[in-house]
């Protein structure tokens, strides 16, 4: 089972930026996708962005153009650069590893408020 630890959440004003990190114990063997999800209070968890082993990225339309997912090939870490943040981006953000097994991190809170 891949262990995932998120960091980088916090409080930011609308229009601001944050970068989330997800440190994995390892990248999964074989084909895998590393993803960010989020869950706002009273809402279902939703997909935000993902990046495959081959570097192909996908985004939720609500964040396309504002968020960027990337990874460090030297170490098992992925990032989510979040720009032009909006109050509706407020949520707990989770990292997910999808491969031979499916693992989730514990989440990091992002609050966008003035």
C-alpha atoms as a PDB file:
ATOM      1  CA  UNK A   1       0.000   0.000   0.000  1.00  0.00           C
ATOM      2  CA  UNK A   2       1.346   3.398  -0.991  1.00  0.00           C
ATOM      3  CA  UNK A   3       1.456   5.880   1.887  1.00  0.00           C
ATOM      4  CA  UNK A   4       0.529   9.477   1.015  1.00  0.00           C
ATOM      5  CA  UNK A   5       1.075  12.656   3.035  1.00  0.00           C
ATOM      6  CA  UNK A   6      -0.332  15.994   1.884  1.00  0.00           C
ATOM      7  CA  UNK A   7       0.946  19.396   2.949  1.00  0.00           C
ATOM      8  CA  UNK A   8       0.704  23.036   1.962  1.00  0.00           C
ATOM      9  CA  UNK A   9      -2.887  23.853   2.815  1.00  0.00           C
ATOM     10  CA  UNK A  10      -3.898  27.004   4.620  1.00  0.00           C
ATOM     11  CA  UNK A  11      -5.881  30.219   4.547  1.00  0.00           C
ATOM     12  CA  UNK A  12      -5.580  32.457   1.497  1.00  0.00           C
ATOM     13  CA  UNK A  13      -7.482  35.463   0.203  1.00  0.00           C
ATOM     14  CA  UNK A  14      -9.513  35.272  -3.008  1.00  0.00           C
ATOM     15  CA  UNK A  15      -7.220  35.675  -5.989  1.00  0.00           C
ATOM     16  CA  UNK A  16      -4.291  34.255  -4.085  1.00  0.00           C
ATOM     17  CA  UNK A  17      -2.184  31.155  -4.668  1.00  0.00           C
ATOM     18  CA  UNK A  18      -1.201  28.013  -2.817  1.00  0.00           C
ATOM     19  CA  UNK A  19       0.886  24.989  -3.699  1.00  0.00           C
ATOM     20  CA  UNK A  20      -0.057  21.612  -2.269  1.00  0.00           C
ATOM     21  CA  UNK A  21       2.404  18.744  -2.052  1.00  0.00           C
ATOM     22  CA  UNK A  22       1.761  15.031  -1.773  1.00  0.00           C
ATOM     23  CA  UNK A  23       4.692  12.915  -0.709  1.00  0.00           C
ATOM     24  CA  UNK A  24       4.268   9.244  -1.520  1.00  0.00           C
ATOM     25  CA  UNK A  25       6.216   6.364  -0.015  1.00  0.00           C
ATOM     26  CA  UNK A  26       6.811   5.266  -3.597  1.00  0.00           C
ATOM     27  CA  UNK A  27       5.315   5.530  -7.029  1.00  0.00           C
ATOM     28  CA  UNK A  28       3.197   2.431  -7.705  1.00  0.00           C
ATOM     29  CA  UNK A  29       4.707  -0.242  -9.911  1.00  0.00           C
ATOM     30  CA  UNK A  30       3.249  -0.598 -13.366  1.00  0.00           C
ATOM     31  CA  UNK A  31       0.790   1.906 -14.750  1.00  0.00           C
ATOM     32  CA  UNK A  32      -0.552   4.441 -12.264  1.00  0.00           C
ATOM     33  CA  UNK A  33      -2.334   7.729 -11.926  1.00  0.00           C
ATOM     34  CA  UNK A  34      -1.703  10.225  -9.138  1.00  0.00           C
ATOM     35  CA  UNK A  35      -4.628  12.515  -8.442  1.00  0.00           C
ATOM     36  CA  UNK A  36      -5.979  15.350  -6.317  1.00  0.00           C
ATOM     37  CA  UNK A  37      -9.552  15.303  -5.058  1.00  0.00           C
ATOM     38  CA  UNK A  38     -11.385  17.722  -2.807  1.00  0.00           C
ATOM     39  CA  UNK A  39     -14.396  17.678  -0.548  1.00  0.00           C
ATOM     40  CA  UNK A  40     -16.236  20.794   0.529  1.00  0.00           C
ATOM     41  CA  UNK A  41     -18.542  20.804   3.578  1.00  0.00           C
ATOM     42  CA  UNK A  42     -21.835  19.118   2.758  1.00  0.00           C
ATOM     43  CA  UNK A  43     -20.675  18.055  -0.702  1.00  0.00           C
ATOM     44  CA  UNK A  44     -19.378  14.871  -2.259  1.00  0.00           C
ATOM     45  CA  UNK A  45     -15.693  14.376  -2.897  1.00  0.00           C
ATOM     46  CA  UNK A  46     -14.794  15.438  -6.431  1.00  0.00           C
ATOM     47  CA  UNK A  47     -11.909  14.957  -8.809  1.00  0.00           C
ATOM     48  CA  UNK A  48      -9.687  18.016  -9.221  1.00  0.00           C
ATOM     49  CA  UNK A  49      -6.769  16.901 -11.366  1.00  0.00           C
ATOM     50  CA  UNK A  50      -4.624  13.888 -12.154  1.00  0.00           C
ATOM     51  CA  UNK A  51      -1.359  12.972 -13.821  1.00  0.00           C
ATOM     52  CA  UNK A  52      -0.507   9.584 -15.244  1.00  0.00           C
ATOM     53  CA  UNK A  53       2.756   7.690 -15.216  1.00  0.00           C
ATOM     54  CA  UNK A  54       3.310   9.036 -18.730  1.00  0.00           C
ATOM     55  CA  UNK A  55       2.667  12.629 -17.723  1.00  0.00           C
ATOM     56  CA  UNK A  56      -0.797  12.993 -19.208  1.00  0.00           C
ATOM     57  CA  UNK A  57      -2.879  15.416 -17.151  1.00  0.00           C
ATOM     58  CA  UNK A  58      -6.609  15.890 -16.710  1.00  0.00           C
ATOM     59  CA  UNK A  59      -8.491  18.640 -14.911  1.00  0.00           C
ATOM     60  CA  UNK A  60     -11.935  19.319 -13.554  1.00  0.00           C
ATOM     61  CA  UNK A  61     -13.383  22.074 -15.786  1.00  0.00           C
ATOM     62  CA  UNK A  62     -13.917  24.227 -12.705  1.00  0.00           C
ATOM     63  CA  UNK A  63     -10.158  24.494 -12.127  1.00  0.00           C
ATOM     64  CA  UNK A  64      -8.788  24.267 -15.678  1.00  0.00           C
ATOM     65  CA  UNK A  65      -6.521  27.217 -16.400  1.00  0.00           C
ATOM     66  CA  UNK A  66      -6.103  28.036 -12.704  1.00  0.00           C
ATOM     67  CA  UNK A  67      -4.622  24.837 -11.240  1.00  0.00           C
ATOM     68  CA  UNK A  68      -1.585  22.914 -12.439  1.00  0.00           C
ATOM     69  CA  UNK A  69      -0.688  19.375 -11.420  1.00  0.00           C
ATOM     70  CA  UNK A  70       2.914  18.255 -11.702  1.00  0.00           C
ATOM     71  CA  UNK A  71       5.277  15.651 -10.307  1.00  0.00           C
ATOM     72  CA  UNK A  72       8.880  15.274  -9.299  1.00  0.00           C
ATOM     73  CA  UNK A  73      10.416  12.411 -11.259  1.00  0.00           C
ATOM     74  CA  UNK A  74      13.377  12.223  -8.889  1.00  0.00           C
ATOM     75  CA  UNK A  75      11.244  11.531  -5.844  1.00  0.00           C
ATOM     76  CA  UNK A  76       7.664  10.276  -5.405  1.00  0.00           C
ATOM     77  CA  UNK A  77       6.006  13.641  -4.920  1.00  0.00           C
ATOM     78  CA  UNK A  78       3.242  15.425  -6.787  1.00  0.00           C
ATOM     79  CA  UNK A  79       2.162  19.023  -6.569  1.00  0.00           C
ATOM     80  CA  UNK A  80      -0.945  21.090  -7.156  1.00  0.00           C
ATOM     81  CA  UNK A  81      -0.258  24.726  -7.969  1.00  0.00           C
ATOM     82  CA  UNK A  82      -3.449  26.662  -7.332  1.00  0.00           C
ATOM     83  CA  UNK A  83      -3.739  30.200  -8.669  1.00  0.00           C
ATOM     84  CA  UNK A  84      -6.612  32.693  -8.827  1.00  0.00           C
ATOM     85  CA  UNK A  85      -8.250  30.930  -5.919  1.00  0.00           C
ATOM     86  CA  UNK A  86     -11.960  31.440  -5.317  1.00  0.00           C
ATOM     87  CA  UNK A  87     -14.058  30.968  -2.169  1.00  0.00           C
ATOM     88  CA  UNK A  88     -15.680  27.961  -3.848  1.00  0.00           C
ATOM     89  CA  UNK A  89     -12.259  26.259  -3.898  1.00  0.00           C
ATOM     90  CA  UNK A  90     -12.501  25.943  -0.115  1.00  0.00           C
ATOM     91  CA  UNK A  91     -12.324  22.239   0.735  1.00  0.00           C
ATOM     92  CA  UNK A  92     -10.204  19.475   2.172  1.00  0.00           C
ATOM     93  CA  UNK A  93      -7.834  18.405  -0.594  1.00  0.00           C
ATOM     94  CA  UNK A  94      -6.838  14.754  -0.814  1.00  0.00           C
ATOM     95  CA  UNK A  95      -4.080  13.009  -2.706  1.00  0.00           C
ATOM     96  CA  UNK A  96      -4.871   9.655  -4.300  1.00  0.00           C
ATOM     97  CA  UNK A  97      -2.666   6.972  -5.813  1.00  0.00           C
ATOM     98  CA  UNK A  98      -4.393   4.688  -8.333  1.00  0.00           C
ATOM     99  CA  UNK A  99      -2.461   1.656  -9.434  1.00  0.00           C
ATOM    100  CA  UNK A 100      -2.260  -1.939  -8.335  1.00  0.00           C
ATOM    101  CA  UNK A 101      -3.755  -0.608  -5.110  1.00  0.00           C
ATOM    102  CA  UNK A 102      -5.827   2.484  -4.351  1.00  0.00           C
ATOM    103  CA  UNK A 103      -4.507   4.756  -1.602  1.00  0.00           C
ATOM    104  CA  UNK A 104      -5.637   8.067  -0.122  1.00  0.00           C
ATOM    105  CA  UNK A 105      -3.871  10.645   1.994  1.00  0.00           C
ATOM    106  CA  UNK A 106      -5.344  12.194   5.118  1.00  0.00           C
ATOM    107  CA  UNK A 107      -6.147  15.509   3.451  1.00  0.00           C
ATOM    108  CA  UNK A 108      -5.125  19.119   3.886  1.00  0.00           C
ATOM    109  CA  UNK A 109      -7.517  22.026   4.452  1.00  0.00           C
ATOM    110  CA  UNK A 110      -7.622  24.888   1.970  1.00  0.00           C
ATOM    111  CA  UNK A 111      -9.705  27.909   2.934  1.00  0.00           C
ATOM    112  CA  UNK A 112     -10.205  30.812   0.541  1.00  0.00           C
ATOM    113  CA  UNK A 113     -11.663  33.776   2.375  1.00  0.00           C
ATOM    114  CA  UNK A 114     -11.150  37.478   2.904  1.00  0.00           C
END
